Amino acid sequence: MNSYLFDTYAIIEIIKGNPNYKPYLDQEMIINKFIFAELSYILLREKYPNADNYLDKYTKFIVSIKPSTIKEAMKFRLENKKKNLSMTDCISYFMAKELGIRFLTGDKEFEKIDNVEFIK
């Protein structure tokens, strides 16, 4: 079993039943509070059926982020300002690097970046 830091994009695709994410269902999932916040917002905004059940399910995968990781992520975001990367994605990407795992996402901005498992 491999560990991945699942981006909000990946979680939403899993909830929607995207078959491209099926191989990752048996892998260890890690998220952070920023991803959880985005997930909460999207599920509530879209009035997703059983949103509370999904949110309860994903709370157990939350891992804390070191302040130094956030600092490095914001440097990266600033250096890549033209790519319009989100704060959450940058933090999550750097958290994955720090943990020695891959960042699982389908966000096009991360398609060609090292240490990313890019799945559409």
PDB file of N, CA and C in Angstrom:
ATOM      1  N   MET A   1       0.848  -1.183   0.000  1.00  0.00           N
ATOM      2  CA  MET A   1       0.000   0.000   0.000  1.00  0.00           C
ATOM      3  C   MET A   1       0.890   1.241   0.000  1.00  0.00           C
ATOM      4  N   ASN A   2       0.538   2.186  -0.837  1.00  0.00           N
ATOM      5  CA  ASN A   2       1.246   3.459  -0.906  1.00  0.00           C
ATOM      6  C   ASN A   2       0.423   4.546  -0.231  1.00  0.00           C
ATOM      7  N   SER A   3       1.099   5.577   0.200  1.00  0.00           N
ATOM      8  CA  SER A   3       0.424   6.744   0.773  1.00  0.00           C
ATOM      9  C   SER A   3       0.449   7.865  -0.251  1.00  0.00           C
ATOM     10  N   TYR A   4      -0.638   8.626  -0.286  1.00  0.00           N
ATOM     11  CA  TYR A   4      -0.752   9.788  -1.158  1.00  0.00           C
ATOM     12  C   TYR A   4      -1.398  10.915  -0.378  1.00  0.00           C
ATOM     13  N   LEU A   5      -1.011  12.130  -0.699  1.00  0.00           N
ATOM     14  CA  LEU A   5      -1.736  13.282  -0.190  1.00  0.00           C
ATOM     15  C   LEU A   5      -2.793  13.602  -1.243  1.00  0.00           C
ATOM     16  N   PHE A   6      -4.045  13.348  -0.891  1.00  0.00           N
ATOM     17  CA  PHE A   6      -5.157  13.521  -1.820  1.00  0.00           C
ATOM     18  C   PHE A   6      -5.592  14.977  -1.851  1.00  0.00           C
ATOM     19  N   ASP A   7      -5.582  15.551  -3.047  1.00  0.00           N
ATOM     20  CA  ASP A   7      -6.074  16.902  -3.255  1.00  0.00           C
ATOM     21  C   ASP A   7      -7.606  16.883  -3.235  1.00  0.00           C
ATOM     22  N   THR A   8      -8.201  18.035  -3.021  1.00  0.00           N
ATOM     23  CA  THR A   8      -9.660  18.150  -3.054  1.00  0.00           C
ATOM     24  C   THR A   8     -10.202  17.632  -4.377  1.00  0.00           C
ATOM     25  N   TYR A   9      -9.526  17.957  -5.463  1.00  0.00           N
ATOM     26  CA  TYR A   9      -9.931  17.490  -6.794  1.00  0.00           C
ATOM     27  C   TYR A   9     -10.077  15.972  -6.796  1.00  0.00           C
ATOM     28  N   ALA A  10      -9.082  15.280  -6.269  1.00  0.00           N
ATOM     29  CA  ALA A  10      -9.091  13.816  -6.257  1.00  0.00           C
ATOM     30  C   ALA A  10     -10.258  13.284  -5.422  1.00  0.00           C
ATOM     31  N   ILE A  11     -10.495  13.882  -4.282  1.00  0.00           N
ATOM     32  CA  ILE A  11     -11.581  13.417  -3.414  1.00  0.00           C
ATOM     33  C   ILE A  11     -12.935  13.609  -4.094  1.00  0.00           C
ATOM     34  N   ILE A  12     -13.137  14.748  -4.713  1.00  0.00           N
ATOM     35  CA  ILE A  12     -14.398  14.999  -5.420  1.00  0.00           C
ATOM     36  C   ILE A  12     -14.584  13.984  -6.547  1.00  0.00           C
ATOM     37  N   GLU A  13     -13.525  13.692  -7.273  1.00  0.00           N
ATOM     38  CA  GLU A  13     -13.618  12.696  -8.353  1.00  0.00           C
ATOM     39  C   GLU A  13     -13.943  11.310  -7.801  1.00  0.00           C
ATOM     40  N   ILE A  14     -13.400  10.978  -6.654  1.00  0.00           N
ATOM     41  CA  ILE A  14     -13.716   9.699  -6.010  1.00  0.00           C
ATOM     42  C   ILE A  14     -15.191   9.666  -5.615  1.00  0.00           C
ATOM     43  N   ILE A  15     -15.667  10.735  -5.022  1.00  0.00           N
ATOM     44  CA  ILE A  15     -17.074  10.815  -4.620  1.00  0.00           C
ATOM     45  C   ILE A  15     -17.988  10.688  -5.842  1.00  0.00           C
ATOM     46  N   LYS A  16     -17.588  11.302  -6.956  1.00  0.00           N
ATOM     47  CA  LYS A  16     -18.380  11.235  -8.186  1.00  0.00           C
ATOM     48  C   LYS A  16     -18.306   9.865  -8.860  1.00  0.00           C
ATOM     49  N   GLY A  17     -17.356   9.037  -8.426  1.00  0.00           N
ATOM     50  CA  GLY A  17     -17.216   7.699  -9.000  1.00  0.00           C
ATOM     51  C   GLY A  17     -16.326   7.617 -10.226  1.00  0.00           C
ATOM     52  N   ASN A  18     -15.412   8.566 -10.407  1.00  0.00           N
ATOM     53  CA  ASN A  18     -14.496   8.543 -11.542  1.00  0.00           C
ATOM     54  C   ASN A  18     -13.660   7.259 -11.486  1.00  0.00           C
ATOM     55  N   PRO A  19     -13.785   6.389 -12.504  1.00  0.00           N
ATOM     56  CA  PRO A  19     -13.061   5.106 -12.480  1.00  0.00           C
ATOM     57  C   PRO A  19     -11.541   5.252 -12.528  1.00  0.00           C
ATOM     58  N   ASN A  20     -11.041   6.384 -12.993  1.00  0.00           N
ATOM     59  CA  ASN A  20      -9.591   6.595 -13.036  1.00  0.00           C
ATOM     60  C   ASN A  20      -8.973   6.672 -11.641  1.00  0.00           C
ATOM     61  N   TYR A  21      -9.791   6.936 -10.652  1.00  0.00           N
ATOM     62  CA  TYR A  21      -9.298   7.023  -9.265  1.00  0.00           C
ATOM     63  C   TYR A  21      -9.487   5.718  -8.492  1.00  0.00           C
ATOM     64  N   LYS A  22     -10.119   4.740  -9.109  1.00  0.00           N
ATOM     65  CA  LYS A  22     -10.376   3.463  -8.425  1.00  0.00           C
ATOM     66  C   LYS A  22      -9.103   2.808  -7.866  1.00  0.00           C
ATOM     67  N   PRO A  23      -7.971   2.814  -8.611  1.00  0.00           N
ATOM     68  CA  PRO A  23      -6.750   2.195  -8.063  1.00  0.00           C
ATOM     69  C   PRO A  23      -6.246   2.852  -6.771  1.00  0.00           C
ATOM     70  N   TYR A  24      -6.706   4.060  -6.472  1.00  0.00           N
ATOM     71  CA  TYR A  24      -6.221   4.791  -5.300  1.00  0.00           C
ATOM     72  C   TYR A  24      -7.103   4.583  -4.067  1.00  0.00           C
ATOM     73  N   LEU A  25      -8.228   3.905  -4.254  1.00  0.00           N
ATOM     74  CA  LEU A  25      -9.151   3.708  -3.140  1.00  0.00           C
ATOM     75  C   LEU A  25      -8.563   2.820  -2.047  1.00  0.00           C
ATOM     76  N   ASP A  26      -7.630   1.944  -2.415  1.00  0.00           N
ATOM     77  CA  ASP A  26      -7.002   1.043  -1.441  1.00  0.00           C
ATOM     78  C   ASP A  26      -5.687   1.575  -0.897  1.00  0.00           C
ATOM     79  N   GLN A  27      -5.345   2.804  -1.263  1.00  0.00           N
ATOM     80  CA  GLN A  27      -4.094   3.402  -0.807  1.00  0.00           C
ATOM     81  C   GLN A  27      -4.348   4.239   0.450  1.00  0.00           C
ATOM     82  N   GLU A  28      -3.285   4.493   1.188  1.00  0.00           N
ATOM     83  CA  GLU A  28      -3.418   5.322   2.387  1.00  0.00           C
ATOM     84  C   GLU A  28      -3.649   6.774   1.981  1.00  0.00           C
ATOM     85  N   MET A  29      -4.715   7.353   2.508  1.00  0.00           N
ATOM     86  CA  MET A  29      -5.074   8.734   2.199  1.00  0.00           C
ATOM     87  C   MET A  29      -4.615   9.664   3.309  1.00  0.00           C
ATOM     88  N   ILE A  30      -4.019  10.773   2.890  1.00  0.00           N
ATOM     89  CA  ILE A  30      -3.655  11.835   3.818  1.00  0.00           C
ATOM     90  C   ILE A  30      -4.214  13.125   3.238  1.00  0.00           C
ATOM     91  N   ILE A  31      -4.823  13.936   4.103  1.00  0.00           N
ATOM     92  CA  ILE A  31      -5.270  15.266   3.712  1.00  0.00           C
ATOM     93  C   ILE A  31      -4.851  16.227   4.826  1.00  0.00           C
ATOM     94  N   ASN A  32      -5.107  17.508   4.624  1.00  0.00           N
ATOM     95  CA  ASN A  32      -4.850  18.491   5.672  1.00  0.00           C
ATOM     96  C   ASN A  32      -6.120  19.311   5.894  1.00  0.00           C
ATOM     97  N   LYS A  33      -6.078  20.223   6.834  1.00  0.00           N
ATOM     98  CA  LYS A  33      -7.269  21.013   7.161  1.00  0.00           C
ATOM     99  C   LYS A  33      -7.683  21.947   6.033  1.00  0.00           C
ATOM    100  N   PHE A  34      -6.740  22.369   5.217  1.00  0.00           N
ATOM    101  CA  PHE A  34      -7.076  23.230   4.083  1.00  0.00           C
ATOM    102  C   PHE A  34      -7.892  22.450   3.054  1.00  0.00           C
ATOM    103  N   ILE A  35      -7.465  21.221   2.775  1.00  0.00           N
ATOM    104  CA  ILE A  35      -8.209  20.365   1.851  1.00  0.00           C
ATOM    105  C   ILE A  35      -9.588  20.067   2.422  1.00  0.00           C
ATOM    106  N   PHE A  36      -9.637  19.778   3.716  1.00  0.00           N
ATOM    107  CA  PHE A  36     -10.928  19.503   4.350  1.00  0.00           C
ATOM    108  C   PHE A  36     -11.859  20.712   4.240  1.00  0.00           C
ATOM    109  N   ALA A  37     -11.317  21.908   4.407  1.00  0.00           N
ATOM    110  CA  ALA A  37     -12.128  23.125   4.291  1.00  0.00           C
ATOM    111  C   ALA A  37     -12.665  23.276   2.865  1.00  0.00           C
ATOM    112  N   GLU A  38     -11.808  23.074   1.868  1.00  0.00           N
ATOM    113  CA  GLU A  38     -12.264  23.147   0.478  1.00  0.00           C
ATOM    114  C   GLU A  38     -13.332  22.106   0.187  1.00  0.00           C
ATOM    115  N   LEU A  39     -13.101  20.894   0.646  1.00  0.00           N
ATOM    116  CA  LEU A  39     -14.066  19.814   0.441  1.00  0.00           C
ATOM    117  C   LEU A  39     -15.406  20.169   1.077  1.00  0.00           C
ATOM    118  N   SER A  40     -15.371  20.676   2.293  1.00  0.00           N
ATOM    119  CA  SER A  40     -16.601  21.075   2.992  1.00  0.00           C
ATOM    120  C   SER A  40     -17.345  22.125   2.185  1.00  0.00           C
ATOM    121  N   TYR A  41     -16.635  23.121   1.736  1.00  0.00           N
ATOM    122  CA  TYR A  41     -17.250  24.208   0.977  1.00  0.00           C
ATOM    123  C   TYR A  41     -17.906  23.695  -0.305  1.00  0.00           C
ATOM    124  N   ILE A  42     -17.180  22.874  -1.047  1.00  0.00           N
ATOM    125  CA  ILE A  42     -17.712  22.364  -2.320  1.00  0.00           C
ATOM    126  C   ILE A  42     -18.946  21.500  -2.094  1.00  0.00           C
ATOM    127  N   LEU A  43     -18.879  20.584  -1.144  1.00  0.00           N
ATOM    128  CA  LEU A  43     -20.025  19.703  -0.900  1.00  0.00           C
ATOM    129  C   LEU A  43     -21.247  20.488  -0.429  1.00  0.00           C
ATOM    130  N   LEU A  44     -21.023  21.487   0.412  1.00  0.00           N
ATOM    131  CA  LEU A  44     -22.143  22.298   0.895  1.00  0.00           C
ATOM    132  C   LEU A  44     -22.678  23.219  -0.200  1.00  0.00           C
ATOM    133  N   ARG A  45     -21.786  23.823  -0.965  1.00  0.00           N
ATOM    134  CA  ARG A  45     -22.195  24.712  -2.055  1.00  0.00           C
ATOM    135  C   ARG A  45     -23.026  23.972  -3.101  1.00  0.00           C
ATOM    136  N   GLU A  46     -22.612  22.744  -3.394  1.00  0.00           N
ATOM    137  CA  GLU A  46     -23.305  21.942  -4.407  1.00  0.00           C
ATOM    138  C   GLU A  46     -24.501  21.179  -3.838  1.00  0.00           C
ATOM    139  N   LYS A  47     -24.753  21.397  -2.525  1.00  0.00           N
ATOM    140  CA  LYS A  47     -25.851  20.683  -1.845  1.00  0.00           C
ATOM    141  C   LYS A  47     -25.764  19.185  -2.128  1.00  0.00           C
ATOM    142  N   TYR A  48     -24.566  18.663  -1.977  1.00  0.00           N
ATOM    143  CA  TYR A  48     -24.294  17.269  -2.286  1.00  0.00           C
ATOM    144  C   TYR A  48     -25.026  16.350  -1.311  1.00  0.00           C
ATOM    145  N   PRO A  49     -25.732  15.350  -1.836  1.00  0.00           N
ATOM    146  CA  PRO A  49     -26.422  14.414  -0.938  1.00  0.00           C
ATOM    147  C   PRO A  49     -25.422  13.746   0.014  1.00  0.00           C
ATOM    148  N   ASN A  50     -25.797  13.626   1.249  1.00  0.00           N
ATOM    149  CA  ASN A  50     -24.957  12.979   2.273  1.00  0.00           C
ATOM    150  C   ASN A  50     -23.635  13.705   2.523  1.00  0.00           C
ATOM    151  N   ALA A  51     -23.613  15.005   2.341  1.00  0.00           N
ATOM    152  CA  ALA A  51     -22.381  15.774   2.539  1.00  0.00           C
ATOM    153  C   ALA A  51     -21.801  15.543   3.927  1.00  0.00           C
ATOM    154  N   ASP A  52     -22.644  15.552   4.946  1.00  0.00           N
ATOM    155  CA  ASP A  52     -22.145  15.347   6.312  1.00  0.00           C
ATOM    156  C   ASP A  52     -21.479  13.982   6.479  1.00  0.00           C
ATOM    157  N   ASN A  53     -22.024  12.973   5.845  1.00  0.00           N
ATOM    158  CA  ASN A  53     -21.428  11.634   5.931  1.00  0.00           C
ATOM    159  C   ASN A  53     -20.033  11.613   5.305  1.00  0.00           C
ATOM    160  N   TYR A  54     -19.896  12.259   4.141  1.00  0.00           N
ATOM    161  CA  TYR A  54     -18.582  12.332   3.503  1.00  0.00           C
ATOM    162  C   TYR A  54     -17.600  13.099   4.372  1.00  0.00           C
ATOM    163  N   LEU A  55     -18.040  14.216   4.921  1.00  0.00           N
ATOM    164  CA  LEU A  55     -17.140  15.022   5.741  1.00  0.00           C
ATOM    165  C   LEU A  55     -16.721  14.269   6.992  1.00  0.00           C
ATOM    166  N   ASP A  56     -17.643  13.558   7.602  1.00  0.00           N
ATOM    167  CA  ASP A  56     -17.290  12.736   8.766  1.00  0.00           C
ATOM    168  C   ASP A  56     -16.261  11.673   8.380  1.00  0.00           C
ATOM    169  N   LYS A  57     -16.434  11.078   7.213  1.00  0.00           N
ATOM    170  CA  LYS A  57     -15.523  10.030   6.739  1.00  0.00           C
ATOM    171  C   LYS A  57     -14.101  10.562   6.552  1.00  0.00           C
ATOM    172  N   TYR A  58     -13.970  11.763   5.973  1.00  0.00           N
ATOM    173  CA  TYR A  58     -12.652  12.270   5.622  1.00  0.00           C
ATOM    174  C   TYR A  58     -11.907  12.941   6.776  1.00  0.00           C
ATOM    175  N   THR A  59     -12.581  13.227   7.891  1.00  0.00           N
ATOM    176  CA  THR A  59     -11.876  13.854   9.017  1.00  0.00           C
ATOM    177  C   THR A  59     -10.754  12.982   9.560  1.00  0.00           C
ATOM    178  N   LYS A  60     -10.906  11.678   9.474  1.00  0.00           N
ATOM    179  CA  LYS A  60      -9.889  10.781  10.044  1.00  0.00           C
ATOM    180  C   LYS A  60      -8.580  10.765   9.264  1.00  0.00           C
ATOM    181  N   PHE A  61      -8.561  11.381   8.086  1.00  0.00           N
ATOM    182  CA  PHE A  61      -7.359  11.398   7.263  1.00  0.00           C
ATOM    183  C   PHE A  61      -6.548  12.685   7.411  1.00  0.00           C
ATOM    184  N   ILE A  62      -7.016  13.597   8.262  1.00  0.00           N
ATOM    185  CA  ILE A  62      -6.349  14.897   8.423  1.00  0.00           C
ATOM    186  C   ILE A  62      -5.049  14.755   9.211  1.00  0.00           C
ATOM    187  N   VAL A  63      -3.993  15.311   8.660  1.00  0.00           N
ATOM    188  CA  VAL A  63      -2.676  15.338   9.296  1.00  0.00           C
ATOM    189  C   VAL A  63      -2.267  16.812   9.414  1.00  0.00           C
ATOM    190  N   SER A  64      -1.630  17.169  10.511  1.00  0.00           N
ATOM    191  CA  SER A  64      -1.211  18.559  10.746  1.00  0.00           C
ATOM    192  C   SER A  64      -0.071  18.973   9.823  1.00  0.00           C
ATOM    193  N   ILE A  65      -0.017  20.266   9.577  1.00  0.00           N
ATOM    194  CA  ILE A  65       1.008  20.853   8.715  1.00  0.00           C
ATOM    195  C   ILE A  65       1.968  21.674   9.569  1.00  0.00           C
ATOM    196  N   LYS A  66       3.248  21.553   9.284  1.00  0.00           N
ATOM    197  CA  LYS A  66       4.245  22.359   9.984  1.00  0.00           C
ATOM    198  C   LYS A  66       4.241  23.788   9.426  1.00  0.00           C
ATOM    199  N   PRO A  67       4.420  24.783  10.278  1.00  0.00           N
ATOM    200  CA  PRO A  67       4.509  26.168   9.785  1.00  0.00           C
ATOM    201  C   PRO A  67       5.591  26.350   8.727  1.00  0.00           C
ATOM    202  N   SER A  68       6.695  25.638   8.846  1.00  0.00           N
ATOM    203  CA  SER A  68       7.773  25.768   7.858  1.00  0.00           C
ATOM    204  C   SER A  68       7.315  25.289   6.475  1.00  0.00           C
ATOM    205  N   THR A  69       6.429  24.308   6.446  1.00  0.00           N
ATOM    206  CA  THR A  69       5.891  23.814   5.176  1.00  0.00           C
ATOM    207  C   THR A  69       5.040  24.897   4.514  1.00  0.00           C
ATOM    208  N   ILE A  70       4.233  25.571   5.309  1.00  0.00           N
ATOM    209  CA  ILE A  70       3.391  26.650   4.788  1.00  0.00           C
ATOM    210  C   ILE A  70       4.263  27.771   4.231  1.00  0.00           C
ATOM    211  N   LYS A  71       5.321  28.097   4.953  1.00  0.00           N
ATOM    212  CA  LYS A  71       6.233  29.157   4.512  1.00  0.00           C
ATOM    213  C   LYS A  71       6.861  28.813   3.161  1.00  0.00           C
ATOM    214  N   GLU A  72       7.359  27.596   3.012  1.00  0.00           N
ATOM    215  CA  GLU A  72       7.967  27.179   1.750  1.00  0.00           C
ATOM    216  C   GLU A  72       6.932  27.140   0.628  1.00  0.00           C
ATOM    217  N   ALA A  73       5.734  26.712   0.949  1.00  0.00           N
ATOM    218  CA  ALA A  73       4.667  26.641  -0.048  1.00  0.00           C
ATOM    219  C   ALA A  73       4.297  28.030  -0.564  1.00  0.00           C
ATOM    220  N   MET A  74       4.293  29.016   0.321  1.00  0.00           N
ATOM    221  CA  MET A  74       3.945  30.372  -0.107  1.00  0.00           C
ATOM    222  C   MET A  74       5.058  31.000  -0.944  1.00  0.00           C
ATOM    223  N   LYS A  75       6.311  30.629  -0.671  1.00  0.00           N
ATOM    224  CA  LYS A  75       7.412  31.059  -1.539  1.00  0.00           C
ATOM    225  C   LYS A  75       7.206  30.490  -2.941  1.00  0.00           C
ATOM    226  N   PHE A  76       6.872  29.208  -2.999  1.00  0.00           N
ATOM    227  CA  PHE A  76       6.620  28.528  -4.268  1.00  0.00           C
ATOM    228  C   PHE A  76       5.453  29.172  -5.014  1.00  0.00           C
ATOM    229  N   ARG A  77       4.395  29.485  -4.296  1.00  0.00           N
ATOM    230  CA  ARG A  77       3.222  30.113  -4.912  1.00  0.00           C
ATOM    231  C   ARG A  77       3.591  31.478  -5.502  1.00  0.00           C
ATOM    232  N   LEU A  78       4.352  32.247  -4.754  1.00  0.00           N
ATOM    233  CA  LEU A  78       4.774  33.560  -5.224  1.00  0.00           C
ATOM    234  C   LEU A  78       5.676  33.446  -6.455  1.00  0.00           C
ATOM    235  N   GLU A  79       6.604  32.488  -6.421  1.00  0.00           N
ATOM    236  CA  GLU A  79       7.505  32.277  -7.560  1.00  0.00           C
ATOM    237  C   GLU A  79       6.746  31.827  -8.809  1.00  0.00           C
ATOM    238  N   ASN A  80       5.596  31.207  -8.624  1.00  0.00           N
ATOM    239  CA  ASN A  80       4.795  30.693  -9.735  1.00  0.00           C
ATOM    240  C   ASN A  80       3.477  31.453  -9.881  1.00  0.00           C
ATOM    241  N   LYS A  81       3.501  32.729  -9.562  1.00  0.00           N
ATOM    242  CA  LYS A  81       2.307  33.564  -9.541  1.00  0.00           C
ATOM    243  C   LYS A  81       1.527  33.509 -10.859  1.00  0.00           C
ATOM    244  N   LYS A  82       2.218  33.412 -11.960  1.00  0.00           N
ATOM    245  CA  LYS A  82       1.562  33.397 -13.267  1.00  0.00           C
ATOM    246  C   LYS A  82       0.723  32.138 -13.495  1.00  0.00           C
ATOM    247  N   LYS A  83       1.019  31.074 -12.760  1.00  0.00           N
ATOM    248  CA  LYS A  83       0.264  29.821 -12.913  1.00  0.00           C
ATOM    249  C   LYS A  83      -1.053  29.837 -12.147  1.00  0.00           C
ATOM    250  N   ASN A  84      -1.256  30.863 -11.307  1.00  0.00           N
ATOM    251  CA  ASN A  84      -2.497  30.991 -10.541  1.00  0.00           C
ATOM    252  C   ASN A  84      -2.781  29.755  -9.671  1.00  0.00           C
ATOM    253  N   LEU A  85      -1.763  29.295  -8.957  1.00  0.00           N
ATOM    254  CA  LEU A  85      -1.899  28.129  -8.079  1.00  0.00           C
ATOM    255  C   LEU A  85      -2.624  28.533  -6.795  1.00  0.00           C
ATOM    256  N   SER A  86      -3.486  27.677  -6.309  1.00  0.00           N
ATOM    257  CA  SER A  86      -4.204  28.002  -5.078  1.00  0.00           C
ATOM    258  C   SER A  86      -3.304  27.816  -3.863  1.00  0.00           C
ATOM    259  N   MET A  87      -3.644  28.515  -2.810  1.00  0.00           N
ATOM    260  CA  MET A  87      -2.910  28.397  -1.558  1.00  0.00           C
ATOM    261  C   MET A  87      -2.958  26.952  -1.067  1.00  0.00           C
ATOM    262  N   THR A  88      -4.150  26.368  -1.077  1.00  0.00           N
ATOM    263  CA  THR A  88      -4.332  24.994  -0.590  1.00  0.00           C
ATOM    264  C   THR A  88      -3.494  24.014  -1.389  1.00  0.00           C
ATOM    265  N   ASP A  89      -3.499  24.147  -2.705  1.00  0.00           N
ATOM    266  CA  ASP A  89      -2.721  23.224  -3.539  1.00  0.00           C
ATOM    267  C   ASP A  89      -1.233  23.343  -3.268  1.00  0.00           C
ATOM    268  N   CYS A  90      -0.742  24.555  -3.124  1.00  0.00           N
ATOM    269  CA  CYS A  90       0.689  24.746  -2.856  1.00  0.00           C
ATOM    270  C   CYS A  90       1.083  24.147  -1.508  1.00  0.00           C
ATOM    271  N   ILE A  91       0.286  24.408  -0.496  1.00  0.00           N
ATOM    272  CA  ILE A  91       0.565  23.854   0.831  1.00  0.00           C
ATOM    273  C   ILE A  91       0.524  22.335   0.790  1.00  0.00           C
ATOM    274  N   SER A  92      -0.476  21.802   0.137  1.00  0.00           N
ATOM    275  CA  SER A  92      -0.636  20.343   0.073  1.00  0.00           C
ATOM    276  C   SER A  92       0.504  19.698  -0.707  1.00  0.00           C
ATOM    277  N   TYR A  93       0.905  20.319  -1.789  1.00  0.00           N
ATOM    278  CA  TYR A  93       2.021  19.811  -2.583  1.00  0.00           C
ATOM    279  C   TYR A  93       3.299  19.752  -1.743  1.00  0.00           C
ATOM    280  N   PHE A  94       3.580  20.826  -1.014  1.00  0.00           N
ATOM    281  CA  PHE A  94       4.786  20.839  -0.183  1.00  0.00           C
ATOM    282  C   PHE A  94       4.680  19.892   0.999  1.00  0.00           C
ATOM    283  N   MET A  95       3.488  19.733   1.516  1.00  0.00           N
ATOM    284  CA  MET A  95       3.290  18.770   2.600  1.00  0.00           C
ATOM    285  C   MET A  95       3.583  17.352   2.102  1.00  0.00           C
ATOM    286  N   ALA A  96       3.127  17.021   0.905  1.00  0.00           N
ATOM    287  CA  ALA A  96       3.400  15.704   0.320  1.00  0.00           C
ATOM    288  C   ALA A  96       4.902  15.490   0.170  1.00  0.00           C
ATOM    289  N   LYS A  97       5.594  16.511  -0.341  1.00  0.00           N
ATOM    290  CA  LYS A  97       7.049  16.403  -0.494  1.00  0.00           C
ATOM    291  C   LYS A  97       7.716  16.160   0.857  1.00  0.00           C
ATOM    292  N   GLU A  98       7.279  16.905   1.858  1.00  0.00           N
ATOM    293  CA  GLU A  98       7.861  16.763   3.198  1.00  0.00           C
ATOM    294  C   GLU A  98       7.638  15.353   3.758  1.00  0.00           C
ATOM    295  N   LEU A  99       6.472  14.790   3.472  1.00  0.00           N
ATOM    296  CA  LEU A  99       6.134  13.448   3.958  1.00  0.00           C
ATOM    297  C   LEU A  99       6.753  12.341   3.114  1.00  0.00           C
ATOM    298  N   GLY A 100       7.348  12.710   1.980  1.00  0.00           N
ATOM    299  CA  GLY A 100       7.962  11.713   1.106  1.00  0.00           C
ATOM    300  C   GLY A 100       6.943  10.901   0.325  1.00  0.00           C
ATOM    301  N   ILE A 101       5.803  11.514   0.029  1.00  0.00           N
ATOM    302  CA  ILE A 101       4.748  10.845  -0.726  1.00  0.00           C
ATOM    303  C   ILE A 101       4.357  11.717  -1.920  1.00  0.00           C
ATOM    304  N   ARG A 102       3.551  11.167  -2.809  1.00  0.00           N
ATOM    305  CA  ARG A 102       3.127  11.917  -3.993  1.00  0.00           C
ATOM    306  C   ARG A 102       1.823  12.657  -3.725  1.00  0.00           C
ATOM    307  N   PHE A 103       1.667  13.760  -4.435  1.00  0.00           N
ATOM    308  CA  PHE A 103       0.478  14.605  -4.372  1.00  0.00           C
ATOM    309  C   PHE A 103      -0.467  14.134  -5.470  1.00  0.00           C
ATOM    310  N   LEU A 104      -1.626  13.598  -5.096  1.00  0.00           N
ATOM    311  CA  LEU A 104      -2.605  13.058  -6.039  1.00  0.00           C
ATOM    312  C   LEU A 104      -3.612  14.130  -6.406  1.00  0.00           C
ATOM    313  N   THR A 105      -3.628  14.510  -7.690  1.00  0.00           N
ATOM    314  CA  THR A 105      -4.523  15.570  -8.150  1.00  0.00           C
ATOM    315  C   THR A 105      -4.806  15.423  -9.634  1.00  0.00           C
ATOM    316  N   GLY A 106      -5.817  16.139 -10.073  1.00  0.00           N
ATOM    317  CA  GLY A 106      -6.128  16.245 -11.490  1.00  0.00           C
ATOM    318  C   GLY A 106      -6.111  17.699 -11.919  1.00  0.00           C
ATOM    319  N   ASP A 107      -5.677  18.577 -11.015  1.00  0.00           N
ATOM    320  CA  ASP A 107      -5.596  20.002 -11.336  1.00  0.00           C
ATOM    321  C   ASP A 107      -4.531  20.226 -12.399  1.00  0.00           C
ATOM    322  N   LYS A 108      -4.952  20.814 -13.527  1.00  0.00           N
ATOM    323  CA  LYS A 108      -4.070  20.976 -14.683  1.00  0.00           C
ATOM    324  C   LYS A 108      -2.799  21.747 -14.372  1.00  0.00           C
ATOM    325  N   GLU A 109      -2.837  22.641 -13.389  1.00  0.00           N
ATOM    326  CA  GLU A 109      -1.653  23.430 -13.037  1.00  0.00           C
ATOM    327  C   GLU A 109      -0.512  22.557 -12.503  1.00  0.00           C
ATOM    328  N   PHE A 110      -0.837  21.347 -12.049  1.00  0.00           N
ATOM    329  CA  PHE A 110       0.172  20.465 -11.460  1.00  0.00           C
ATOM    330  C   PHE A 110       0.570  19.306 -12.371  1.00  0.00           C
ATOM    331  N   GLU A 111       0.072  19.318 -13.599  1.00  0.00           N
ATOM    332  CA  GLU A 111       0.282  18.183 -14.501  1.00  0.00           C
ATOM    333  C   GLU A 111       1.753  17.873 -14.754  1.00  0.00           C
ATOM    334  N   LYS A 112       2.569  18.856 -14.899  1.00  0.00           N
ATOM    335  CA  LYS A 112       3.984  18.634 -15.274  1.00  0.00           C
ATOM    336  C   LYS A 112       4.946  18.902 -14.111  1.00  0.00           C
ATOM    337  N   ILE A 113       4.453  18.877 -12.900  1.00  0.00           N
ATOM    338  CA  ILE A 113       5.296  19.183 -11.733  1.00  0.00           C
ATOM    339  C   ILE A 113       5.756  17.880 -11.082  1.00  0.00           C
ATOM    340  N   ASP A 114       7.013  17.894 -10.666  1.00  0.00           N
ATOM    341  CA  ASP A 114       7.615  16.745  -9.976  1.00  0.00           C
ATOM    342  C   ASP A 114       6.806  16.335  -8.751  1.00  0.00           C
ATOM    343  N   ASN A 115       6.840  15.060  -8.419  1.00  0.00           N
ATOM    344  CA  ASN A 115       6.220  14.512  -7.212  1.00  0.00           C
ATOM    345  C   ASN A 115       4.697  14.583  -7.223  1.00  0.00           C
ATOM    346  N   VAL A 116       4.121  14.629  -8.430  1.00  0.00           N
ATOM    347  CA  VAL A 116       2.661  14.695  -8.578  1.00  0.00           C
ATOM    348  C   VAL A 116       2.180  13.455  -9.311  1.00  0.00           C
ATOM    349  N   GLU A 117       1.139  12.851  -8.785  1.00  0.00           N
ATOM    350  CA  GLU A 117       0.427  11.762  -9.457  1.00  0.00           C
ATOM    351  C   GLU A 117      -0.789  12.438 -10.099  1.00  0.00           C
ATOM    352  N   PHE A 118      -0.683  12.699 -11.404  1.00  0.00           N
ATOM    353  CA  PHE A 118      -1.717  13.455 -12.108  1.00  0.00           C
ATOM    354  C   PHE A 118      -2.705  12.501 -12.762  1.00  0.00           C
ATOM    355  N   ILE A 119      -3.964  12.566 -12.331  1.00  0.00           N
ATOM    356  CA  ILE A 119      -5.018  11.692 -12.850  1.00  0.00           C
ATOM    357  C   ILE A 119      -6.221  12.538 -13.197  1.00  0.00           C
ATOM    358  N   LYS A 120      -6.741  12.368 -14.392  1.00  0.00           N
ATOM    359  CA  LYS A 120      -7.963  13.088 -14.814  1.00  0.00           C
ATOM    360  C   LYS A 120      -9.169  12.216 -14.624  1.00  0.00           C
TER     361      LYS A 120
END
